[in-house]
Amino acid sequence: MTVSSWILSIAGICILSVLIDLFLPDGNSSSHIKTLFNFVIILVIIAPLPNLLKKDFSASIIFNKDEIVIQEDYIYQLNRDKLTMLEKSIENKLSEDGLSNIDISISADIFTLQMTIDAVYVDLSNLVIQENSSHINIENEVIEVIVSFIDIKKENINFSG
């Protein structure tokens, strides 16, 4: 018995008991019939319990694997939000290190459950260097920060500007 058929059984017996309650006259026999239907509802609710209490219990008894569907729009949006947060985190870290106004853009496959990052693009055209950071190798500093945030090869980090 699947979850959906179990829920339909509960709903069906509840609807049947309401209909019988509407057509029964008030009196002693009516209360006995209502009690009987309440007992039947309880039996329908606990009917799957013996299957669940077997020693070889698995979640597949409750959930049919064919009914589980990955929502691609949700995965896309979740991965897009991760990338945006990652880009901002790298930009903030570089700004803390004295290199501000660097634009980071990450290219990744965001349509899969396990997102894979292909490349990182660094735009240095608006770069502002603070006085205390003027004698550093900018590309090496940027690469070190990016690699600390993302597991990516240095060859996949592209500079422009």
Protein backbone atom coordinates (compact mmCIF):
# COMPACT_ATOMS: atom_id res chain seq x y z
CA MET A 1 0.00 0.00 0.00
CA THR A 2 1.48 3.33 -1.03
CA VAL A 3 1.13 6.53 0.94
CA SER A 4 -1.23 8.06 -1.61
CA SER A 5 -3.62 5.08 -1.57
CA TRP A 6 -3.52 5.04 2.23
CA ILE A 7 -4.45 8.74 2.39
CA LEU A 8 -7.22 8.21 -0.16
CA SER A 9 -8.61 5.36 1.96
CA ILE A 10 -8.69 7.58 5.03
CA ALA A 11 -10.36 10.40 3.11
CA GLY A 12 -12.90 8.03 1.54
CA ILE A 13 -13.96 6.45 4.83
CA CYS A 14 -14.23 9.90 6.46
CA ILE A 15 -16.45 11.17 3.63
CA LEU A 16 -18.58 8.03 3.84
CA SER A 17 -19.03 8.47 7.60
CA VAL A 18 -20.08 12.12 7.13
CA LEU A 19 -22.64 11.13 4.49
CA ILE A 20 -24.09 8.38 6.66
CA ASP A 21 -24.20 10.79 9.61
CA LEU A 22 -26.25 13.23 7.50
CA PHE A 23 -28.87 10.63 6.58
CA LEU A 24 -29.19 8.84 9.92
CA PRO A 25 -31.94 9.97 12.26
CA ASP A 26 -31.00 11.01 15.78
CA GLY A 27 -31.25 8.30 18.37
CA ASN A 28 -29.55 5.37 20.02
CA SER A 29 -28.82 3.44 16.81
CA SER A 30 -27.21 6.53 15.27
CA SER A 31 -24.62 6.74 18.05
CA HIS A 32 -23.80 3.03 17.63
CA ILE A 33 -23.28 3.44 13.88
CA LYS A 34 -21.08 6.52 14.45
CA THR A 35 -18.98 4.52 16.92
CA LEU A 36 -18.68 1.71 14.38
CA PHE A 37 -17.49 4.13 11.68
CA ASN A 38 -15.00 5.73 14.07
CA PHE A 39 -13.61 2.26 14.73
CA VAL A 40 -13.35 1.60 10.96
CA ILE A 41 -11.51 4.93 10.49
CA ILE A 42 -8.99 3.91 13.16
CA LEU A 43 -8.49 0.55 11.45
CA VAL A 44 -7.86 2.23 8.10
CA ILE A 45 -5.35 4.61 9.71
CA ILE A 46 -3.34 1.86 11.41
CA ALA A 47 -3.61 -0.66 8.52
CA PRO A 48 -0.05 -0.02 7.18
CA LEU A 49 1.58 -0.41 10.62
CA PRO A 50 2.18 -4.19 10.41
CA ASN A 51 4.18 -3.66 7.19
CA LEU A 52 6.20 -0.89 8.83
CA LEU A 53 7.04 -3.04 11.86
CA LYS A 54 8.61 -5.83 9.82
CA LYS A 55 12.30 -6.44 10.40
CA ASP A 56 13.23 -5.60 6.81
CA PHE A 57 11.82 -2.09 7.00
CA SER A 58 12.99 0.41 4.42
CA ALA A 59 11.86 3.86 3.42
CA SER A 60 10.82 2.53 0.01
CA ILE A 61 7.72 1.07 1.68
CA ILE A 62 6.56 4.59 2.45
CA PHE A 63 7.94 6.47 -0.53
CA ASN A 64 7.90 5.18 -4.04
CA LYS A 65 11.17 6.23 -5.71
CA ASP A 66 9.31 7.07 -8.90
CA GLU A 67 7.32 9.73 -7.04
CA ILE A 68 10.42 11.67 -5.94
CA VAL A 69 11.16 14.43 -8.44
CA ILE A 70 14.00 16.92 -8.29
CA GLN A 71 12.76 20.44 -8.80
CA GLU A 72 15.16 21.82 -11.37
CA ASP A 73 14.08 25.44 -10.86
CA TYR A 74 14.90 25.16 -7.16
CA ILE A 75 18.32 23.60 -7.90
CA TYR A 76 19.06 26.35 -10.43
CA GLN A 77 18.12 29.14 -8.02
CA LEU A 78 19.97 27.55 -5.12
CA ASN A 79 23.16 27.17 -7.16
CA ARG A 80 22.80 30.69 -8.58
CA ASP A 81 22.51 32.06 -5.03
CA LYS A 82 25.60 30.06 -3.98
CA LEU A 83 27.60 31.52 -6.86
CA THR A 84 26.49 35.07 -6.09
CA MET A 85 27.41 34.65 -2.43
CA LEU A 86 30.77 33.12 -3.39
CA GLU A 87 31.55 35.98 -5.80
CA LYS A 88 30.70 38.58 -3.14
CA SER A 89 32.75 36.74 -0.50
CA ILE A 90 35.82 36.72 -2.73
CA GLU A 91 35.37 40.40 -3.61
CA ASN A 92 35.00 41.30 0.09
CA LYS A 93 38.13 39.33 1.04
CA LEU A 94 40.14 41.05 -1.70
CA SER A 95 38.83 44.41 -0.53
CA GLU A 96 39.94 43.59 3.03
CA ASP A 97 43.37 42.74 1.63
CA GLY A 98 43.62 46.18 0.00
CA LEU A 99 42.38 45.40 -3.51
CA SER A 100 38.95 46.92 -4.00
CA ASN A 101 36.58 47.24 -6.97
CA ILE A 102 37.56 43.89 -8.44
CA ASP A 103 34.68 42.19 -10.24
CA ILE A 104 34.59 38.40 -9.87
CA SER A 105 32.44 36.28 -12.16
CA ILE A 106 32.20 32.52 -11.76
CA SER A 107 31.23 30.20 -14.60
CA ALA A 108 29.63 26.95 -13.44
CA ASP A 109 27.15 24.26 -14.36
CA ILE A 110 24.27 25.36 -12.12
CA PHE A 111 21.64 23.07 -13.60
CA THR A 112 22.89 19.94 -11.85
CA LEU A 113 22.44 18.84 -8.28
CA GLN A 114 26.21 18.77 -7.75
CA MET A 115 27.35 22.14 -9.09
CA THR A 116 30.74 22.15 -10.83
CA ILE A 117 32.78 25.33 -11.28
CA ASP A 118 34.43 25.65 -14.69
CA ALA A 119 36.24 29.00 -14.57
CA VAL A 120 36.63 32.25 -12.66
CA TYR A 121 36.84 35.56 -14.49
CA VAL A 122 38.53 38.50 -12.76
CA ASP A 123 37.98 42.02 -14.08
CA LEU A 124 40.72 44.37 -12.88
CA SER A 125 39.63 47.41 -14.96
CA ASN A 126 38.24 49.28 -11.92
CA LEU A 127 40.92 48.11 -9.48
CA VAL A 128 41.78 50.45 -6.61
CA ILE A 129 44.89 49.60 -4.59
CA GLN A 130 45.26 50.90 -1.05
CA GLU A 131 48.59 52.50 -0.17
CA ASN A 132 49.69 49.70 2.16
CA SER A 133 49.09 47.11 -0.62
CA SER A 134 50.97 48.86 -3.42
CA HIS A 135 53.97 46.49 -3.48
CA ILE A 136 52.17 43.18 -3.90
CA ASN A 137 51.79 40.96 -6.96
CA ILE A 138 48.12 41.55 -7.71
CA GLU A 139 47.50 38.43 -9.80
CA ASN A 140 49.15 36.13 -7.26
CA GLU A 141 47.19 37.71 -4.41
CA VAL A 142 43.89 37.33 -6.31
CA ILE A 143 44.69 33.72 -7.25
CA GLU A 144 45.51 32.85 -3.61
CA VAL A 145 42.22 34.30 -2.38
CA ILE A 146 40.18 32.57 -5.08
CA VAL A 147 41.84 29.20 -4.46
CA SER A 148 41.15 29.58 -0.73
CA PHE A 149 37.42 29.86 -1.50
CA ILE A 150 37.08 27.55 -4.52
CA ASP A 151 38.70 24.25 -5.40
CA ILE A 152 39.84 25.28 -8.88
CA LYS A 153 43.05 25.03 -10.90
CA LYS A 154 45.03 28.23 -11.35
CA GLU A 155 44.82 27.82 -15.13
CA ASN A 156 41.04 28.27 -14.92
CA ILE A 157 41.35 31.75 -13.42
CA ASN A 158 41.22 34.35 -16.22
CA PHE A 159 42.18 38.02 -15.84
CA SER A 160 41.02 40.99 -17.88
CA GLY A 161 41.29 44.76 -17.64
